[in-house]
């Protein structure tokens, strides 16, 4: 069984890999992402999947790309 800390670390790795243009952190029970734009845009979420969805939508709207999560693993 994976510990909550290990699961959170894995989620951070995957999100940072998929969305390299954002600074993504977990603090005090909330997930946050900040864009590098001027002015920067900030997203907050209670779960990594919610943050992932928000960033995916932002990338669609801004014409950006999303890096594949799995790196070719099956």
Protein backbone atom coordinates (compact mmCIF):
# COMPACT_ATOMS: atom_id res chain seq x y z
CA UNK A 1 0.00 0.00 0.00
CA UNK A 2 1.29 3.45 -0.95
CA UNK A 3 1.49 6.02 1.83
CA UNK A 4 -0.29 9.34 1.48
CA UNK A 5 3.04 11.17 1.36
CA UNK A 6 4.37 8.91 -1.42
CA UNK A 7 1.14 9.34 -3.37
CA UNK A 8 1.33 13.13 -3.02
CA UNK A 9 4.97 13.16 -4.16
CA UNK A 10 4.09 11.04 -7.21
CA UNK A 11 1.20 13.38 -8.06
CA UNK A 12 3.58 16.37 -7.84
CA UNK A 13 6.06 14.63 -10.16
CA UNK A 14 3.39 13.81 -12.72
CA UNK A 15 1.84 17.26 -12.67
CA UNK A 16 5.21 18.99 -12.96
CA UNK A 17 6.16 16.71 -15.87
CA UNK A 18 2.88 17.25 -17.70
CA UNK A 19 2.76 21.01 -17.09
CA UNK A 20 6.38 22.27 -17.04
CA UNK A 21 5.32 25.91 -17.59
CA UNK A 22 3.67 26.08 -14.17
CA UNK A 23 5.03 26.17 -10.63
CA UNK A 24 3.03 23.50 -8.81
CA UNK A 25 3.01 23.02 -5.04
CA UNK A 26 1.07 21.29 -2.27
CA UNK A 27 0.72 23.15 1.00
CA UNK A 28 -1.69 23.07 3.94
CA UNK A 29 -3.97 20.56 2.24
CA UNK A 30 -4.35 22.51 -1.02
CA UNK A 31 -2.79 22.20 -4.44
CA UNK A 32 -1.75 25.35 -6.28
CA UNK A 33 -0.27 26.20 -9.66
CA UNK A 34 1.08 29.52 -10.90
CA UNK A 35 1.70 30.42 -14.53
CA UNK A 36 4.83 32.24 -15.63
CA UNK A 37 2.81 34.91 -17.48
CA UNK A 38 2.59 38.58 -16.77
CA UNK A 39 0.51 38.94 -14.74
CA UNK A 40 0.73 35.38 -13.42
CA UNK A 41 -2.45 33.33 -13.12
CA UNK A 42 -3.02 31.17 -10.04
CA UNK A 43 -5.16 28.05 -9.73
CA UNK A 44 -6.15 26.33 -6.48
CA UNK A 45 -7.60 22.85 -5.99
CA UNK A 46 -8.36 20.34 -3.24
CA UNK A 47 -7.12 17.36 -5.27
CA UNK A 48 -4.35 16.79 -7.81
CA UNK A 49 -6.91 15.59 -10.36
CA UNK A 50 -8.88 18.82 -10.05
CA UNK A 51 -5.71 20.87 -10.55
CA UNK A 52 -4.79 18.71 -13.53
CA UNK A 53 -8.17 19.40 -15.11
CA UNK A 54 -7.85 23.13 -14.55
CA UNK A 55 -4.36 23.24 -16.08
CA UNK A 56 -5.45 21.10 -19.01
CA UNK A 57 -8.29 23.53 -19.72
CA UNK A 58 -5.90 26.48 -19.44
CA UNK A 59 -3.55 24.85 -21.95
CA UNK A 60 -6.43 24.26 -24.37
CA UNK A 61 -7.53 27.89 -24.14
CA UNK A 62 -4.00 29.26 -24.54
CA UNK A 63 -2.92 26.96 -27.38
CA UNK A 64 -0.27 25.26 -25.25
CA UNK A 65 0.72 21.62 -25.16
CA UNK A 66 0.53 18.94 -22.50
CA UNK A 67 3.50 16.60 -22.08
CA UNK A 68 2.53 12.88 -21.98
CA UNK A 69 2.39 11.56 -18.41
CA UNK A 70 3.66 8.01 -18.94
CA UNK A 71 6.74 8.60 -21.03
CA UNK A 72 5.87 5.65 -23.27
CA UNK A 73 5.32 3.12 -20.49
CA UNK A 74 2.38 0.78 -20.82
